[in-house]
Structures are given as C-alpha cells and as structure tokens.
Amino acid sequence: MSERVYELSKEDFKPINDLINYDPYLDNSLIPSIPEQWTKDDYLTKHPEMKEQVEELTKKREEALQHLKTDKDLNIIFAREQCELREGAALGLSDDNYYLYIKATDEFLDKADELLKRKFKSIKRANPETEEKIITKLNEEESNANAGVGFLFG
C-alpha cells in the first residue's frame, strides 16, 4: 500500500469530504433496493400479481449495476480505502489549508489523482516534506489509538 497527501482549500473541503465518504454501490437513488419480502422463495407463489413489478425492478437494478460497472469515475471509491481529511491547524500546519491523506494501491492512487485534479480546482499533491510530516503524524496517531485499544482490552 502506498500513501499520498494532497493539499486543498477550504472551498473544496465539503465536496471532497462528500466524495471520500460516498459509495455508489450503496446509493439507493442509483441502485433501487429490492424489498426483503421479494427475495423469499415463496413470495411470487403467494403473490403472483407482483410478478411484473418484481421483474421490472430487478431489470432496473441490473441496468443500474451495469452502468456503475462501466462508469470509470464511479468506480474510484474512496470510501473503500483509507482516507482522512484534516485541517492544517490540527496537523501543526497552516490553518488556511486542508489535507487529504489516502492509503491505497498504486493503481487506485493514480486513478484518484486524475479524478481529484479534474474535479477540484485547489487540490494539489503536498510537497514531499509536508507529505512526510503528515504521514508520520497520522501513523503515530493510529499507532497510539491501537495501543490504547490494546491497553483497554488487554
């Protein structure tokens, strides 16, 4: 796994936060959910009048899933990777900037880099010194959190 840090302005904080917490495969507005009772083996036997509705919704769901599979932007899913969005002040840096940390495969990072630069004006890769400082700080925080949990649960 590789790590990258991006610097961004306050104006891009909320839209990037929304992006890194979004998974299109969990979005019921994109993929209609199928009512649980429809999935039971005997549902259509007991309710034959629902067959057309079940088939229609199943078809819509399959079409939506197919669309998602072919949309390259929707398949760059930050919510499935390790991402953190922090204010610069919380990291001991300028309080004018925000930072996005991503830990993922190189393949994902390359695709994410292209998407971020295309969608957000202010985003840029942090300089190597800043990137190293943030990665070290976040790794220390994670290590301390893990030690705390280990202490609690022994």
Protein backbone atom coordinates (compact mmCIF):
# COMPACT_ATOMS: atom_id res chain seq x y z
CA MET A 1 0.00 0.00 0.00
CA SER A 2 1.20 3.49 -0.83
CA GLU A 3 0.37 6.77 0.82
CA ARG A 4 -0.26 10.21 -0.66
CA VAL A 5 -1.19 13.58 0.74
CA TYR A 6 -3.00 16.35 -1.09
CA GLU A 7 -3.37 19.99 -0.14
CA LEU A 8 -6.67 21.78 -0.78
CA SER A 9 -8.51 24.98 0.03
CA LYS A 10 -11.44 25.44 2.37
CA GLU A 11 -13.86 25.79 -0.56
CA ASP A 12 -13.12 22.22 -1.68
CA PHE A 13 -13.29 20.71 1.83
CA LYS A 14 -17.01 19.81 1.85
CA PRO A 15 -17.24 18.41 -1.71
CA ILE A 16 -14.10 16.32 -1.16
CA ASN A 17 -15.42 15.14 2.19
CA ASP A 18 -18.65 14.08 0.46
CA LEU A 19 -16.65 12.29 -2.24
CA ILE A 20 -14.45 10.30 0.15
CA ASN A 21 -17.49 9.13 2.14
CA TYR A 22 -19.57 8.09 -0.87
CA ASP A 23 -20.03 4.58 -2.22
CA PRO A 24 -22.28 4.49 -5.30
CA TYR A 25 -22.98 0.79 -4.77
CA LEU A 26 -24.76 1.70 -1.52
CA ASP A 27 -26.74 4.58 -3.05
CA ASN A 28 -30.41 3.60 -3.35
CA SER A 29 -31.04 6.53 -5.68
CA LEU A 30 -28.68 4.88 -8.21
CA ILE A 31 -29.43 1.24 -7.48
CA PRO A 32 -33.02 0.59 -6.46
CA SER A 33 -33.28 -1.70 -3.46
CA ILE A 34 -35.41 -4.80 -3.63
CA PRO A 35 -37.84 -5.21 -0.74
CA GLU A 36 -36.72 -8.03 1.53
CA GLN A 37 -40.00 -9.94 1.23
CA TRP A 38 -39.50 -10.19 -2.55
CA THR A 39 -36.36 -12.24 -2.02
CA LYS A 40 -38.15 -15.04 -0.20
CA ASP A 41 -38.52 -18.22 -2.27
CA ASP A 42 -42.28 -18.47 -1.99
CA TYR A 43 -43.13 -14.77 -2.39
CA LEU A 44 -44.16 -14.91 -6.05
CA THR A 45 -46.10 -18.13 -5.46
CA LYS A 46 -48.12 -16.38 -2.77
CA HIS A 47 -48.34 -13.09 -4.69
CA PRO A 48 -48.45 -13.82 -8.44
CA GLU A 49 -49.91 -10.36 -9.07
CA MET A 50 -46.49 -8.90 -8.11
CA LYS A 51 -44.51 -10.80 -10.77
CA GLU A 52 -44.45 -7.90 -13.24
CA GLN A 53 -43.32 -5.40 -10.58
CA VAL A 54 -40.62 -7.75 -9.31
CA GLU A 55 -39.30 -8.33 -12.83
CA GLU A 56 -39.35 -4.60 -13.65
CA LEU A 57 -37.47 -3.61 -10.50
CA THR A 58 -34.98 -6.46 -10.95
CA LYS A 59 -34.32 -5.29 -14.53
CA LYS A 60 -33.83 -1.65 -13.39
CA ARG A 61 -31.43 -2.83 -10.70
CA GLU A 62 -29.40 -4.91 -13.16
CA GLU A 63 -29.22 -1.99 -15.62
CA ALA A 64 -28.08 0.35 -12.84
CA LEU A 65 -25.39 -2.08 -11.73
CA GLN A 66 -24.19 -2.46 -15.31
CA HIS A 67 -23.99 1.33 -15.66
CA LEU A 68 -21.97 1.56 -12.45
CA LYS A 69 -19.55 -1.11 -13.60
CA THR A 70 -18.80 0.83 -16.79
CA ASP A 71 -18.56 4.34 -15.28
CA LYS A 72 -14.87 4.77 -14.51
CA ASP A 73 -15.37 7.76 -12.16
CA LEU A 74 -17.98 5.96 -10.06
CA ASN A 75 -15.57 3.07 -9.60
CA ILE A 76 -12.98 5.24 -7.90
CA ILE A 77 -14.49 4.65 -4.46
CA PHE A 78 -12.58 6.47 -1.75
CA ALA A 79 -14.93 5.14 0.96
CA ARG A 80 -13.37 1.70 0.47
CA GLU A 81 -9.85 2.99 1.01
CA GLN A 82 -8.13 4.53 4.00
CA CYS A 83 -8.74 8.28 3.66
CA GLU A 84 -8.58 11.15 6.11
CA LEU A 85 -9.38 14.80 5.56
CA ARG A 86 -7.84 17.16 8.11
CA GLU A 87 -7.46 20.84 8.81
CA GLY A 88 -3.89 22.07 8.58
CA ALA A 89 -4.02 23.52 12.11
CA ALA A 90 -4.85 20.08 13.54
CA LEU A 91 -1.67 18.76 11.92
CA GLY A 92 0.56 21.60 13.11
CA LEU A 93 0.49 23.28 9.70
CA SER A 94 -1.11 26.39 8.21
CA ASP A 95 -4.74 26.79 9.26
CA ASP A 96 -5.51 28.13 5.76
CA ASN A 97 -5.06 24.69 4.20
CA TYR A 98 -6.72 21.31 4.44
CA TYR A 99 -5.07 17.99 3.71
CA LEU A 100 -6.34 14.74 2.25
CA TYR A 101 -4.44 11.59 3.17
CA ILE A 102 -5.02 8.44 1.13
CA LYS A 103 -3.53 5.00 1.70
CA ALA A 104 -4.30 2.60 -1.15
CA THR A 105 -2.82 0.63 -4.03
CA ASP A 106 -0.76 2.50 -6.61
CA GLU A 107 -3.40 1.72 -9.23
CA PHE A 108 -6.13 3.32 -7.13
CA LEU A 109 -3.95 6.31 -6.26
CA ASP A 110 -3.19 7.02 -9.92
CA LYS A 111 -6.89 6.94 -10.84
CA ALA A 112 -7.79 9.01 -7.78
CA ASP A 113 -5.11 11.57 -8.60
CA GLU A 114 -6.56 12.08 -12.08
CA LEU A 115 -10.13 12.37 -10.75
CA LEU A 116 -9.24 14.80 -7.96
CA LYS A 117 -7.29 17.11 -10.26
CA ARG A 118 -10.10 17.07 -12.82
CA LYS A 119 -12.89 17.81 -10.34
CA PHE A 120 -11.30 20.19 -7.81
CA LYS A 121 -9.53 23.43 -8.64
CA SER A 122 -7.49 23.86 -5.49
CA ILE A 123 -6.19 20.33 -4.97
CA LYS A 124 -2.53 19.56 -5.49
CA ARG A 125 -0.12 16.97 -4.18
CA ALA A 126 1.56 18.19 -1.00
CA ASN A 127 5.29 18.84 -1.23
CA PRO A 128 7.44 15.89 -0.09
CA GLU A 129 8.37 17.48 3.26
CA THR A 130 4.74 18.24 4.18
CA GLU A 131 3.61 14.85 2.92
CA GLU A 132 6.17 13.03 5.08
CA LYS A 133 5.24 15.12 8.15
CA ILE A 134 1.52 14.35 7.74
CA ILE A 135 2.05 10.64 7.04
CA THR A 136 4.27 10.33 10.12
CA LYS A 137 1.75 12.18 12.31
CA LEU A 138 -1.23 10.11 11.12
CA ASN A 139 0.69 6.85 11.50
CA GLU A 140 1.67 7.88 15.06
CA GLU A 141 -1.98 8.68 15.86
CA GLU A 142 -3.07 5.30 14.51
CA SER A 143 -0.37 3.51 16.48
CA ASN A 144 -1.34 5.36 19.68
CA ALA A 145 -5.01 4.55 19.12
CA ASN A 146 -4.19 0.86 18.60
CA ALA A 147 -2.05 0.84 21.75
CA GLY A 148 -4.93 2.42 23.69
CA VAL A 149 -7.39 -0.20 22.48
CA GLY A 150 -4.88 -2.93 23.31
CA PHE A 151 -4.50 -1.49 26.80
CA LEU A 152 -8.26 -1.41 27.31
CA PHE A 153 -8.92 -4.92 26.08
CA GLY A 154 -5.55 -6.37 27.10
